[in-house]
Amino acid sequence: MSDIPIHIIDDDESIRDSLSWLLASRGLSARCYDSGEAFLEVFSADLRGVIVLDMRMEGMSGLEVLDELRARNARNPIVMLTGHGDVPIAVGALKKGASDFLEKPFNDNQLVDIFQELLEQEAALFSRASDAAKVAERRATLSDREREVMALMVAGKLNKQIAGELDIAIRTVEVHRARVLEKMGVRNAVELAALLGGQG
């Protein structure tokens, strides 16, 4: 069973039950909430999973919850559940950052396919965010001079050129260069440039 859950937010108990049963039968885990407010109480920026929001609920509507999640910088894929011919509103939700919308009644296979695809997207998103955080942590260990040397290394400058630009000895550049590679966890300037992805 996938340990990254599908968060189902719907005030209709029968929808929550049928979706969680369907997901469990396909090896996916579900967590259910009977209101947008209940979900927002547990939400944090590092919460993993796909978020499924019913468009029409008592209290906060799905769109209001979507707005609040965007305000909190949620990275999770978000699917809107819609009925009552709410397709124009659902299209508006896509413009606000929802990943997809599904009309009730659902086609079970289509539903599960969409969730599995979004779980893959979610894993990739969080992996990239985690990698970026690790790179930022490594960069934070560099001294100001090491950052200057690193920027010139990534620009493809040779030790002699770096020494000239920074007005320091070549030997000093070599020392800084070695420290930059060690702290950033790479073997050479090519790997360093790939790691930074043009951040400089």
Protein backbone atom coordinates (compact mmCIF):
# COMPACT_ATOMS: atom_id res chain seq x y z
CA MET A 1 0.00 0.00 0.00
CA SER A 2 1.23 3.47 -0.86
CA ASP A 3 2.26 5.24 2.34
CA ILE A 4 1.61 8.67 0.79
CA PRO A 5 -2.10 9.28 1.44
CA ILE A 6 -4.97 10.74 -0.52
CA HIS A 7 -6.63 13.36 1.71
CA ILE A 8 -10.38 13.30 1.03
CA ILE A 9 -12.24 16.41 2.19
CA ASP A 10 -16.00 16.05 1.73
CA ASP A 11 -18.95 16.68 4.04
CA ASP A 12 -20.84 13.72 2.51
CA GLU A 13 -20.03 10.63 4.57
CA SER A 14 -21.11 8.24 1.80
CA ILE A 15 -18.64 9.84 -0.65
CA ARG A 16 -15.82 9.66 1.93
CA ASP A 17 -16.61 6.00 2.64
CA SER A 18 -16.89 4.94 -1.00
CA LEU A 19 -13.68 6.75 -2.02
CA SER A 20 -11.63 5.42 0.88
CA TRP A 21 -12.93 1.87 0.22
CA LEU A 22 -12.11 2.19 -3.50
CA LEU A 23 -8.61 3.49 -2.79
CA ALA A 24 -7.92 0.79 -0.19
CA SER A 25 -9.01 -1.87 -2.69
CA ARG A 26 -6.34 -0.56 -5.10
CA GLY A 27 -3.57 -0.38 -2.49
CA LEU A 28 -3.82 3.37 -1.85
CA SER A 29 -4.29 4.90 1.58
CA ALA A 30 -6.91 7.54 2.32
CA ARG A 31 -7.42 10.01 5.14
CA CYS A 32 -10.88 11.53 5.43
CA TYR A 33 -12.05 14.90 6.76
CA ASP A 34 -15.67 16.04 7.04
CA SER A 35 -14.90 19.73 6.39
CA GLY A 36 -12.33 22.07 4.93
CA GLU A 37 -11.80 23.55 8.38
CA ALA A 38 -10.95 20.10 9.83
CA PHE A 39 -8.33 19.54 7.11
CA LEU A 40 -6.79 23.00 7.47
CA GLU A 41 -6.27 22.33 11.18
CA VAL A 42 -3.87 19.48 10.39
CA PHE A 43 -2.36 20.96 7.21
CA SER A 44 1.28 22.07 7.20
CA ALA A 45 3.66 22.90 4.36
CA ASP A 46 5.42 19.53 4.73
CA LEU A 47 2.18 17.46 4.68
CA ARG A 48 2.57 14.72 2.08
CA GLY A 49 -0.16 13.49 -0.22
CA VAL A 50 -2.76 14.40 -2.80
CA ILE A 51 -5.65 16.63 -1.65
CA VAL A 52 -9.19 15.91 -2.87
CA LEU A 53 -11.66 18.75 -2.24
CA ASP A 54 -15.41 18.66 -2.68
CA MET A 55 -16.54 21.85 -4.37
CA ARG A 56 -19.71 22.32 -2.30
CA MET A 57 -19.51 21.80 1.44
CA GLU A 58 -21.09 23.22 4.57
CA GLY A 59 -18.81 25.89 6.02
CA MET A 60 -15.83 26.59 3.77
CA SER A 61 -16.39 25.66 0.13
CA GLY A 62 -13.79 23.70 -1.80
CA LEU A 63 -12.72 26.88 -3.61
CA GLU A 64 -12.24 28.71 -0.30
CA VAL A 65 -10.09 25.84 0.99
CA LEU A 66 -8.13 25.91 -2.29
CA ASP A 67 -7.51 29.65 -1.86
CA GLU A 68 -6.33 29.10 1.72
CA LEU A 69 -4.01 26.25 0.68
CA ARG A 70 -2.48 28.43 -2.02
CA ALA A 71 -2.03 31.23 0.52
CA ARG A 72 -0.14 28.73 2.70
CA ASN A 73 2.08 27.73 -0.25
CA ALA A 74 0.74 24.17 -0.50
CA ARG A 75 2.73 22.21 -3.08
CA ASN A 76 0.40 19.19 -3.07
CA PRO A 77 -1.58 18.24 -6.17
CA ILE A 78 -5.23 19.20 -5.57
CA VAL A 79 -8.26 17.56 -7.20
CA MET A 80 -11.70 19.19 -7.09
CA LEU A 81 -14.80 16.98 -6.83
CA THR A 82 -17.74 18.51 -8.63
CA GLY A 83 -21.38 17.74 -9.25
CA HIS A 84 -24.45 19.82 -10.08
CA GLY A 85 -22.97 20.90 -13.45
CA ASP A 86 -20.26 22.98 -11.74
CA VAL A 87 -17.78 22.53 -14.59
CA PRO A 88 -17.27 26.32 -15.17
CA ILE A 89 -16.41 26.72 -11.48
CA ALA A 90 -14.07 23.71 -11.70
CA VAL A 91 -12.30 25.30 -14.67
CA GLY A 92 -11.86 28.39 -12.49
CA ALA A 93 -10.31 26.15 -9.82
CA LEU A 94 -7.76 24.89 -12.38
CA LYS A 95 -6.79 28.50 -13.07
CA LYS A 96 -6.24 28.94 -9.33
CA GLY A 97 -3.81 26.02 -9.25
CA ALA A 98 -5.90 22.85 -8.87
CA SER A 99 -4.38 19.89 -10.75
CA ASP A 100 -7.62 18.36 -12.01
CA PHE A 101 -11.34 18.07 -11.36
CA LEU A 102 -13.62 15.04 -11.33
CA GLU A 103 -17.36 15.01 -11.93
CA LYS A 104 -19.63 12.86 -9.78
CA PRO A 105 -20.56 10.08 -10.31
CA PHE A 106 -17.00 8.84 -10.81
CA ASN A 107 -15.55 6.24 -13.11
CA ASP A 108 -13.58 4.14 -10.61
CA ASN A 109 -10.73 3.17 -12.94
CA GLN A 110 -10.31 6.70 -14.24
CA LEU A 111 -10.33 8.03 -10.69
CA VAL A 112 -7.62 5.63 -9.49
CA ASP A 113 -5.49 6.28 -12.60
CA ILE A 114 -5.61 10.03 -11.93
CA PHE A 115 -4.72 9.56 -8.25
CA GLN A 116 -1.78 7.31 -9.08
CA GLU A 117 -0.46 9.81 -11.62
CA LEU A 118 -0.82 12.65 -9.08
CA LEU A 119 0.95 10.61 -6.38
CA GLU A 120 3.92 10.29 -8.77
CA GLN A 121 3.84 14.06 -9.38
CA GLU A 122 3.66 14.67 -5.63
CA ALA A 123 6.68 12.44 -4.97
CA ALA A 124 8.69 14.28 -7.66
CA LEU A 125 7.67 17.69 -6.26
CA PHE A 126 8.69 16.85 -2.71
CA SER A 127 11.92 15.22 -3.91
CA ARG A 128 12.89 18.39 -5.81
CA ALA A 129 12.02 20.56 -2.82
CA SER A 130 14.08 18.31 -0.54
CA ASP A 131 17.05 18.43 -2.95
CA ALA A 132 16.84 22.23 -3.18
CA ALA A 133 16.79 22.47 0.62
CA LYS A 134 19.89 20.27 0.88
CA VAL A 135 21.77 22.41 -1.67
CA ALA A 136 20.76 25.55 0.25
CA GLU A 137 22.04 24.00 3.50
CA ARG A 138 25.40 23.20 1.89
CA ARG A 139 25.69 26.70 0.39
CA ALA A 140 25.05 28.18 3.83
CA THR A 141 28.28 26.53 5.09
CA LEU A 142 30.42 28.45 2.56
CA SER A 143 32.35 31.58 3.53
CA ASP A 144 31.85 34.77 1.50
CA ARG A 145 35.15 34.17 -0.30
CA GLU A 146 34.22 30.56 -1.06
CA ARG A 147 30.93 31.78 -2.56
CA GLU A 148 32.85 34.20 -4.79
CA VAL A 149 35.21 31.43 -5.92
CA MET A 150 32.23 29.08 -6.49
CA ALA A 151 30.44 31.62 -8.73
CA LEU A 152 33.56 31.96 -10.88
CA MET A 153 34.07 28.18 -10.98
CA VAL A 154 30.50 27.70 -12.23
CA ALA A 155 31.14 30.40 -14.84
CA GLY A 156 33.93 28.17 -16.16
CA LYS A 157 36.89 30.31 -15.03
CA LEU A 158 40.31 28.73 -14.53
CA ASN A 159 42.22 29.08 -11.25
CA LYS A 160 44.52 31.67 -12.81
CA GLN A 161 41.54 33.75 -13.97
CA ILE A 162 39.82 33.47 -10.57
CA ALA A 163 43.03 34.58 -8.86
CA GLY A 164 43.23 37.60 -11.17
CA GLU A 165 39.58 38.61 -10.70
CA LEU A 166 39.65 38.28 -6.91
CA ASP A 167 43.23 39.58 -6.58
CA ILE A 168 44.41 36.55 -4.56
CA ALA A 169 47.18 33.97 -5.05
CA ILE A 170 46.54 30.92 -7.23
CA ARG A 171 47.41 28.69 -4.25
CA THR A 172 44.67 30.43 -2.25
CA VAL A 173 42.21 29.81 -5.07
CA GLU A 174 43.16 26.11 -5.04
CA VAL A 175 42.45 25.91 -1.30
CA HIS A 176 39.08 27.66 -1.66
CA ARG A 177 38.19 25.54 -4.69
CA ALA A 178 38.91 22.31 -2.77
CA ARG A 179 36.78 23.51 0.17
CA VAL A 180 33.89 24.48 -2.12
CA LEU A 181 33.88 21.03 -3.77
CA GLU A 182 34.08 19.29 -0.40
CA LYS A 183 31.32 21.36 1.23
CA MET A 184 29.01 21.08 -1.77
CA GLY A 185 29.60 17.32 -1.98
CA VAL A 186 30.79 17.22 -5.61
CA ARG A 187 33.99 16.12 -7.34
CA ASN A 188 34.51 18.86 -9.91
CA ALA A 189 33.20 22.13 -11.36
CA VAL A 190 30.99 20.30 -13.90
CA GLU A 191 29.16 18.45 -11.12
CA LEU A 192 28.96 21.70 -9.15
CA ALA A 193 27.32 23.52 -12.08
CA ALA A 194 24.84 20.65 -12.52
CA LEU A 195 24.00 20.69 -8.79
CA LEU A 196 23.36 24.41 -8.78
CA GLY A 197 21.39 24.24 -12.00
CA GLY A 198 22.42 27.69 -13.06
CA GLN A 199 21.78 29.28 -9.65
CA GLY A 200 25.40 30.51 -9.63
